[in-house]
C-alpha atoms as a PDB file:
ATOM      1  CA  MET A   1      19.533  22.994   7.405  1.00  0.00           C
ATOM      2  CA  ARG A   2      17.482  19.841   7.603  1.00  0.00           C
ATOM      3  CA  ARG A   3      18.516  17.129   5.176  1.00  0.00           C
ATOM      4  CA  ILE A   4      15.777  14.533   5.555  1.00  0.00           C
ATOM      5  CA  LEU A   5      12.474  14.720   3.718  1.00  0.00           C
ATOM      6  CA  SER A   6       9.769  13.407   6.008  1.00  0.00           C
ATOM      7  CA  ILE A   7       7.968  11.567   3.191  1.00  0.00           C
ATOM      8  CA  SER A   8       8.810   7.906   2.806  1.00  0.00           C
ATOM      9  CA  VAL A   9       9.675   6.255  -0.504  1.00  0.00           C
ATOM     10  CA  ALA A  10       6.922   3.733   0.173  1.00  0.00           C
ATOM     11  CA  SER A  11       4.377   6.569   0.442  1.00  0.00           C
ATOM     12  CA  LEU A  12       5.487   7.947  -2.913  1.00  0.00           C
ATOM     13  CA  ALA A  13       5.287   4.540  -4.587  1.00  0.00           C
ATOM     14  CA  ALA A  14       1.810   3.925  -3.221  1.00  0.00           C
ATOM     15  CA  PHE A  15       0.666   7.342  -4.386  1.00  0.00           C
ATOM     16  CA  VAL A  16       1.909   6.758  -7.913  1.00  0.00           C
ATOM     17  CA  LEU A  17       0.214   3.361  -8.096  1.00  0.00           C
ATOM     18  CA  LEU A  18      -3.081   4.780  -6.882  1.00  0.00           C
ATOM     19  CA  THR A  19      -3.162   7.755  -9.210  1.00  0.00           C
ATOM     20  CA  GLY A  20      -1.969   5.925 -12.324  1.00  0.00           C
ATOM     21  CA  GLN A  21       0.098   7.142 -15.229  1.00  0.00           C
ATOM     22  CA  ALA A  22      -0.387  10.541 -16.833  1.00  0.00           C
ATOM     23  CA  SER A  23      -2.123  10.649 -20.181  1.00  0.00           C
ATOM     24  CA  ALA A  24       0.079  10.469 -23.255  1.00  0.00           C
ATOM     25  CA  ALA A  25      -1.846  13.486 -24.593  1.00  0.00           C
ATOM     26  CA  GLN A  26      -1.040  15.611 -21.561  1.00  0.00           C
ATOM     27  CA  THR A  27       0.321  19.032 -22.506  1.00  0.00           C
ATOM     28  CA  ARG A  28       0.597  20.729 -19.103  1.00  0.00           C
ATOM     29  CA  PRO A  29       2.309  19.362 -15.990  1.00  0.00           C
ATOM     30  CA  ARG A  30       0.221  18.450 -12.954  1.00  0.00           C
ATOM     31  CA  LEU A  31       1.382  18.905  -9.407  1.00  0.00           C
ATOM     32  CA  SER A  32       1.173  15.913  -7.105  1.00  0.00           C
ATOM     33  CA  PHE A  33       1.048  16.192  -3.328  1.00  0.00           C
ATOM     34  CA  VAL A  34       2.277  14.094  -0.427  1.00  0.00           C
ATOM     35  CA  ARG A  35       1.079  14.608   3.152  1.00  0.00           C
ATOM     36  CA  ASP A  36       2.515  13.061   6.296  1.00  0.00           C
ATOM     37  CA  GLY A  37       1.844  13.316  10.029  1.00  0.00           C
ATOM     38  CA  GLY A  38      -1.454  15.188   9.796  1.00  0.00           C
ATOM     39  CA  ALA A  39      -0.220  17.789   7.278  1.00  0.00           C
ATOM     40  CA  SER A  40      -2.410  19.179   4.497  1.00  0.00           C
ATOM     41  CA  ILE A  41      -1.635  20.848   1.172  1.00  0.00           C
ATOM     42  CA  GLY A  42      -3.975  22.000  -1.589  1.00  0.00           C
ATOM     43  CA  TRP A  43      -5.264  24.964  -3.557  1.00  0.00           C
ATOM     44  CA  SER A  44      -7.437  27.368  -1.582  1.00  0.00           C
ATOM     45  CA  ALA A  45      -8.879  30.892  -1.705  1.00  0.00           C
ATOM     46  CA  GLU A  46      -8.234  31.308   2.032  1.00  0.00           C
ATOM     47  CA  GLY A  47      -4.907  33.130   1.706  1.00  0.00           C
ATOM     48  CA  GLY A  48      -5.620  34.904  -1.569  1.00  0.00           C
ATOM     49  CA  SER A  49      -2.862  35.192  -4.135  1.00  0.00           C
ATOM     50  CA  SER A  50       0.473  36.926  -4.456  1.00  0.00           C
ATOM     51  CA  PRO A  51       0.491  40.607  -5.470  1.00  0.00           C
ATOM     52  CA  ALA A  52       2.533  39.431  -8.467  1.00  0.00           C
ATOM     53  CA  ASP A  53      -0.446  37.261  -9.489  1.00  0.00           C
ATOM     54  CA  PRO A  54      -3.260  39.870  -9.519  1.00  0.00           C
ATOM     55  CA  ASN A  55      -5.682  38.026 -11.807  1.00  0.00           C
ATOM     56  CA  ASN A  56      -6.008  35.105  -9.420  1.00  0.00           C
ATOM     57  CA  SER A  57      -7.545  34.501  -6.003  1.00  0.00           C
ATOM     58  CA  ARG A  58      -5.953  31.193  -5.015  1.00  0.00           C
ATOM     59  CA  SER A  59      -2.716  29.852  -3.614  1.00  0.00           C
ATOM     60  CA  LEU A  60      -1.410  26.615  -2.174  1.00  0.00           C
ATOM     61  CA  ARG A  61      -2.467  26.347   1.457  1.00  0.00           C
ATOM     62  CA  VAL A  62       0.070  24.307   3.424  1.00  0.00           C
ATOM     63  CA  PHE A  63      -0.504  23.308   7.050  1.00  0.00           C
ATOM     64  CA  VAL A  64       2.061  21.196   8.879  1.00  0.00           C
ATOM     65  CA  PRO A  65       1.812  20.178  12.547  1.00  0.00           C
ATOM     66  CA  ALA A  66       4.975  19.495  14.518  1.00  0.00           C
ATOM     67  CA  GLY A  67       6.626  16.376  13.141  1.00  0.00           C
ATOM     68  CA  GLY A  68       4.600  16.387   9.918  1.00  0.00           C
ATOM     69  CA  GLY A  69       5.493  17.224   6.351  1.00  0.00           C
ATOM     70  CA  ALA A  70       3.883  18.228   3.061  1.00  0.00           C
ATOM     71  CA  SER A  71       5.384  18.247  -0.425  1.00  0.00           C
ATOM     72  CA  ALA A  72       4.549  19.116  -4.027  1.00  0.00           C
ATOM     73  CA  TYR A  73       6.336  17.433  -6.915  1.00  0.00           C
ATOM     74  CA  THR A  74       5.870  16.055 -10.433  1.00  0.00           C
ATOM     75  CA  TYR A  75       6.309  12.575 -11.884  1.00  0.00           C
ATOM     76  CA  GLY A  76       5.845  10.693 -15.141  1.00  0.00           C
ATOM     77  CA  ARG A  77       4.689  12.783 -18.101  1.00  0.00           C
ATOM     78  CA  SER A  78       4.412  15.857 -15.867  1.00  0.00           C
ATOM     79  CA  GLU A  79       8.018  15.433 -14.806  1.00  0.00           C
ATOM     80  CA  ALA A  80       9.165  15.267 -18.408  1.00  0.00           C
ATOM     81  CA  LEU A  81       7.245  18.436 -19.298  1.00  0.00           C
ATOM     82  CA  ILE A  82       9.043  20.412 -16.592  1.00  0.00           C
ATOM     83  CA  GLY A  83      12.272  20.147 -18.583  1.00  0.00           C
ATOM     84  CA  ILE A  84      14.703  20.181 -15.663  1.00  0.00           C
ATOM     85  CA  ARG A  85      15.969  16.599 -15.847  1.00  0.00           C
ATOM     86  CA  GLY A  86      19.555  16.279 -16.994  1.00  0.00           C
ATOM     87  CA  LEU A  87      20.295  20.012 -16.830  1.00  0.00           C
ATOM     88  CA  THR A  88      23.344  21.529 -15.197  1.00  0.00           C
ATOM     89  CA  LEU A  89      22.750  24.315 -12.671  1.00  0.00           C
ATOM     90  CA  ALA A  90      23.990  26.800 -15.272  1.00  0.00           C
ATOM     91  CA  GLN A  91      21.211  25.680 -17.655  1.00  0.00           C
ATOM     92  CA  ILE A  92      18.359  26.238 -15.183  1.00  0.00           C
ATOM     93  CA  ASP A  93      16.343  29.417 -15.802  1.00  0.00           C
ATOM     94  CA  HIS A  94      13.497  29.302 -13.272  1.00  0.00           C
ATOM     95  CA  LEU A  95      13.331  28.090  -9.654  1.00  0.00           C
ATOM     96  CA  GLY A  96      11.308  29.910  -7.049  1.00  0.00           C
ATOM     97  CA  PHE A  97       7.992  30.718  -5.421  1.00  0.00           C
ATOM     98  CA  ASP A  98       6.064  33.433  -3.602  1.00  0.00           C
ATOM     99  CA  SER A  99       4.989  32.684  -0.033  1.00  0.00           C
ATOM    100  CA  LYS A 100       3.180  34.150   2.945  1.00  0.00           C
ATOM    101  CA  GLY A 101       3.144  32.889   6.522  1.00  0.00           C
ATOM    102  CA  TYR A 102       5.584  30.517   8.182  1.00  0.00           C
ATOM    103  CA  LEU A 103       9.270  31.120   7.469  1.00  0.00           C
ATOM    104  CA  GLY A 104      11.821  28.807   9.067  1.00  0.00           C
ATOM    105  CA  ALA A 105      15.507  28.290   8.401  1.00  0.00           C
ATOM    106  CA  GLY A 106      14.900  25.040   6.536  1.00  0.00           C
ATOM    107  CA  ALA A 107      11.435  25.507   5.053  1.00  0.00           C
ATOM    108  CA  PRO A 108       9.548  26.363   2.966  1.00  0.00           C
ATOM    109  CA  ARG A 109      12.091  25.272   0.386  1.00  0.00           C
ATOM    110  CA  ILE A 110      12.762  23.563  -2.901  1.00  0.00           C
ATOM    111  CA  SER A 111      15.121  20.602  -2.698  1.00  0.00           C
ATOM    112  CA  LEU A 112      17.018  19.899  -5.917  1.00  0.00           C
ATOM    113  CA  GLY A 113      18.931  16.665  -6.550  1.00  0.00           C
ATOM    114  CA  THR A 114      22.047  16.341  -8.716  1.00  0.00           C
ATOM    115  CA  ILE A 115      24.701  13.739  -9.393  1.00  0.00           C
ATOM    116  CA  GLY A 116      28.323  14.467 -10.253  1.00  0.00           C
ATOM    117  CA  ASP A 117      31.791  12.959 -10.335  1.00  0.00           C
ATOM    118  CA  ASP A 118      31.730  12.319  -6.588  1.00  0.00           C
ATOM    119  CA  GLY A 119      28.142  11.067  -6.326  1.00  0.00           C
ATOM    120  CA  PRO A 120      24.783  12.645  -5.438  1.00  0.00           C
ATOM    121  CA  HIS A 121      24.202  16.100  -3.977  1.00  0.00           C
ATOM    122  CA  THR A 122      21.146  17.963  -2.709  1.00  0.00           C
ATOM    123  CA  TYR A 123      20.698  21.707  -2.988  1.00  0.00           C
ATOM    124  CA  PHE A 124      18.400  23.268  -0.380  1.00  0.00           C
ATOM    125  CA  LEU A 125      16.664  26.383  -1.674  1.00  0.00           C
ATOM    126  CA  SER A 126      15.069  27.859   1.442  1.00  0.00           C
ATOM    127  CA  ALA A 127      12.952  31.021   1.422  1.00  0.00           C
ATOM    128  CA  PHE A 128      14.602  32.035   4.712  1.00  0.00           C
ATOM    129  CA  TYR A 129      17.868  32.702   2.870  1.00  0.00           C
ATOM    130  CA  CYS A 130      16.303  34.135  -0.289  1.00  0.00           C
ATOM    131  CA  ASN A 131      13.341  36.498  -0.103  1.00  0.00           C
ATOM    132  CA  ASP A 132      12.239  39.984  -1.034  1.00  0.00           C
ATOM    133  CA  SER A 133       9.002  41.646   0.069  1.00  0.00           C
ATOM    134  CA  LEU A 134       6.105  41.923  -2.360  1.00  0.00           C
ATOM    135  CA  GLY A 135       3.801  43.678   0.107  1.00  0.00           C
ATOM    136  CA  GLY A 136       0.710  42.361   1.856  1.00  0.00           C
ATOM    137  CA  ASP A 137       2.874  39.931   3.883  1.00  0.00           C
ATOM    138  CA  TRP A 138       3.910  38.182   0.690  1.00  0.00           C
ATOM    139  CA  ARG A 139       7.553  37.597  -0.228  1.00  0.00           C
ATOM    140  CA  THR A 140       9.198  36.241  -3.357  1.00  0.00           C
ATOM    141  CA  SER A 141      12.101  33.782  -3.535  1.00  0.00           C
ATOM    142  CA  ASP A 142      13.921  33.803  -6.870  1.00  0.00           C
ATOM    143  CA  PHE A 143      16.779  31.375  -6.337  1.00  0.00           C
ATOM    144  CA  VAL A 144      18.237  31.706  -9.838  1.00  0.00           C
ATOM    145  CA  GLY A 145      17.611  35.351 -10.682  1.00  0.00           C
ATOM    146  CA  ASP A 146      18.128  37.148  -7.350  1.00  0.00           C
ATOM    147  CA  THR A 147      21.812  38.046  -7.281  1.00  0.00           C
ATOM    148  CA  THR A 148      21.705  40.497  -4.355  1.00  0.00           C
ATOM    149  CA  ASN A 149      19.705  38.876  -1.563  1.00  0.00           C
ATOM    150  CA  CYS A 150      19.839  35.135  -2.053  1.00  0.00           C
ATOM    151  CA  THR A 151      21.933  32.147  -1.001  1.00  0.00           C
ATOM    152  CA  ILE A 152      21.352  28.394  -1.131  1.00  0.00           C
ATOM    153  CA  TRP A 153      22.823  25.412   0.714  1.00  0.00           C
ATOM    154  CA  ARG A 154      24.711  22.526  -0.866  1.00  0.00           C
ATOM    155  CA  ASP A 155      24.116  19.299   1.069  1.00  0.00           C
ATOM    156  CA  GLY A 156      22.918  21.348   4.032  1.00  0.00           C
ATOM    157  CA  THR A 157      26.483  22.301   4.991  1.00  0.00           C
ATOM    158  CA  THR A 158      27.860  24.832   2.463  1.00  0.00           C
ATOM    159  CA  GLU A 159      26.194  28.195   1.865  1.00  0.00           C
ATOM    160  CA  LEU A 160      26.611  29.552  -1.690  1.00  0.00           C
ATOM    161  CA  THR A 161      25.195  32.079  -4.073  1.00  0.00           C
ATOM    162  CA  TRP A 162      23.553  30.495  -7.105  1.00  0.00           C
ATOM    163  CA  ALA A 163      26.457  31.711  -9.253  1.00  0.00           C
ATOM    164  CA  ALA A 164      28.984  30.054  -6.942  1.00  0.00           C
ATOM    165  CA  ALA A 165      26.920  26.859  -6.904  1.00  0.00           C
ATOM    166  CA  GLU A 166      26.913  26.860 -10.713  1.00  0.00           C
ATOM    167  CA  VAL A 167      30.708  26.954 -10.696  1.00  0.00           C
ATOM    168  CA  ALA A 168      31.089  24.246  -8.039  1.00  0.00           C
ATOM    169  CA  ALA A 169      28.552  21.981  -9.743  1.00  0.00           C
ATOM    170  CA  GLY A 170      30.149  22.607 -13.138  1.00  0.00           C
ATOM    171  CA  LEU A 171      33.599  21.605 -11.938  1.00  0.00           C
ATOM    172  CA  ASN A 172      32.039  18.440 -10.520  1.00  0.00           C
ATOM    173  CA  HIS A 173      30.146  17.729 -13.783  1.00  0.00           C
ATOM    174  CA  GLU A 174      26.801  17.665 -11.970  1.00  0.00           C
ATOM    175  CA  HIS A 175      23.410  17.412 -13.606  1.00  0.00           C
ATOM    176  CA  VAL A 176      19.884  17.177 -12.238  1.00  0.00           C
ATOM    177  CA  VAL A 177      18.843  13.592 -11.616  1.00  0.00           C
ATOM    178  CA  ALA A 178      15.485  11.963 -12.300  1.00  0.00           C
ATOM    179  CA  SER A 179      15.516   9.502  -9.378  1.00  0.00           C
ATOM    180  CA  PRO A 180      14.354   9.419  -6.675  1.00  0.00           C
ATOM    181  CA  ASN A 181      13.101  12.861  -7.735  1.00  0.00           C
ATOM    182  CA  ASP A 182      14.785  15.850  -9.273  1.00  0.00           C
ATOM    183  CA  TRP A 183      12.832  18.449  -7.300  1.00  0.00           C
ATOM    184  CA  PHE A 184      10.418  18.795  -4.397  1.00  0.00           C
ATOM    185  CA  PHE A 185       8.710  21.782  -2.841  1.00  0.00           C
ATOM    186  CA  ILE A 186       8.836  20.929   0.868  1.00  0.00           C
ATOM    187  CA  GLN A 187       7.431  22.158   4.165  1.00  0.00           C
ATOM    188  CA  ASP A 188       8.623  19.904   7.003  1.00  0.00           C
ATOM    189  CA  GLU A 189       8.981  22.319   9.908  1.00  0.00           C
ATOM    190  CA  PRO A 190       8.414  22.837  12.753  1.00  0.00           C
ATOM    191  CA  THR A 191      10.023  19.829  14.390  1.00  0.00           C
ATOM    192  CA  PRO A 192       8.523  18.241  17.523  1.00  0.00           C
ATOM    193  CA  VAL A 193      11.262  19.979  19.517  1.00  0.00           C
ATOM    194  CA  GLN A 194      10.197  23.366  18.167  1.00  0.00           C
ATOM    195  CA  GLY A 195       6.547  22.640  18.871  1.00  0.00           C
ATOM    196  CA  GLY A 196       3.625  24.508  17.322  1.00  0.00           C
ATOM    197  CA  SER A 197       2.638  24.210  13.686  1.00  0.00           C
ATOM    198  CA  ALA A 198       3.330  25.852  10.330  1.00  0.00           C
ATOM    199  CA  LEU A 199       0.746  27.524   8.113  1.00  0.00           C
ATOM    200  CA  LEU A 200       1.759  29.152   4.858  1.00  0.00           C
ATOM    201  CA  TYR A 201       0.467  30.037   1.409  1.00  0.00           C
ATOM    202  CA  VAL A 202       2.453  29.543  -1.787  1.00  0.00           C
ATOM    203  CA  ASP A 203       1.873  31.064  -5.224  1.00  0.00           C
ATOM    204  CA  ARG A 204       3.743  31.202  -8.538  1.00  0.00           C
ATOM    205  CA  LEU A 205       5.673  28.012  -7.854  1.00  0.00           C
ATOM    206  CA  SER A 206       8.129  28.018 -10.779  1.00  0.00           C
ATOM    207  CA  VAL A 207      10.296  25.106 -11.934  1.00  0.00           C
ATOM    208  CA  GLN A 208      12.176  25.572 -15.209  1.00  0.00           C
ATOM    209  CA  ASP A 209       9.557  25.595 -18.004  1.00  0.00           C
ATOM    210  CA  TRP A 210       6.375  25.881 -15.913  1.00  0.00           C
ATOM    211  CA  MET A 211       4.726  27.840 -13.107  1.00  0.00           C
ATOM    212  CA  TRP A 212       1.637  26.942 -11.035  1.00  0.00           C
ATOM    213  CA  VAL A 213      -0.796  29.591  -9.812  1.00  0.00           C
ATOM    214  CA  ARG A 214      -3.923  27.497  -9.110  1.00  0.00           C
ATOM    215  CA  GLY A 215      -5.328  24.016  -9.564  1.00  0.00           C
ATOM    216  CA  GLY A 216      -6.728  22.560 -12.751  1.00  0.00           C
ATOM    217  CA  PHE A 217      -5.478  22.409 -16.315  1.00  0.00           C
ATOM    218  CA  ARG A 218      -5.085  26.170 -16.730  1.00  0.00           C
ATOM    219  CA  GLY A 219      -3.352  26.584 -13.401  1.00  0.00           C
ATOM    220  CA  ALA A 220      -0.018  25.660 -15.020  1.00  0.00           C
ATOM    221  CA  LYS A 221       1.564  28.512 -16.991  1.00  0.00           C
ATOM    222  CA  ASN A 222       4.294  27.998 -19.561  1.00  0.00           C
ATOM    223  CA  CYS A 223       7.320  30.169 -18.812  1.00  0.00           C
ATOM    224  CA  ASN A 224       7.705  31.027 -22.486  1.00  0.00           C
ATOM    225  CA  THR A 225       4.497  33.046 -22.277  1.00  0.00           C
ATOM    226  CA  ALA A 226       4.072  33.747 -18.546  1.00  0.00           C
ATOM    227  CA  SER A 227       6.085  35.850 -16.111  1.00  0.00           C
ATOM    228  CA  CYS A 228       7.685  33.003 -14.135  1.00  0.00           C
ATOM    229  CA  ILE A 229       9.982  33.512 -11.191  1.00  0.00           C
END
């Protein structure tokens, strides 16, 4: 598993400064995107939507050339609305996404940061190790709820079920950290050694209290009323 996100801290800082702070009246979280090395990420009708999202026609289109990287994340008011900061793994209810297209050992994935008694840890939630077919070339990755066909990686070296990770993180008194970022959706394969490029589509990206199915204000669905992963 790859451990290094190919998006620099300087790029993130510049992005935040350029886009400004979220409105105090904001009630739904907004996704922010980072692109590196010629990569692109954004909502598109090109790939359609997941079969589990029948009333929609859009998904996140992610294209990454060799050596590039693309990420989705939240910050500021949007980050606070997600509701994942400070939680233990056992307190997390929703983490997952549907995807179609490229599937590599390390990406697409969600990277989740925690801190415990022995310092920081990163959990790599890769679709390669957690997916079930939805039909139409779409697959779903439910990292928290799938107890039969899903494993994750702790620090890129230890493969665990989510239940086993909950126990290990609990014994280490880990909780999700806010800095440098608690979660990222990441596509940073293929590497220059692998060659080629990666094209995929992502729908129903779910992180704790919210799920995204398209751009705009109504593209974010609250998990209390929507069928989140």
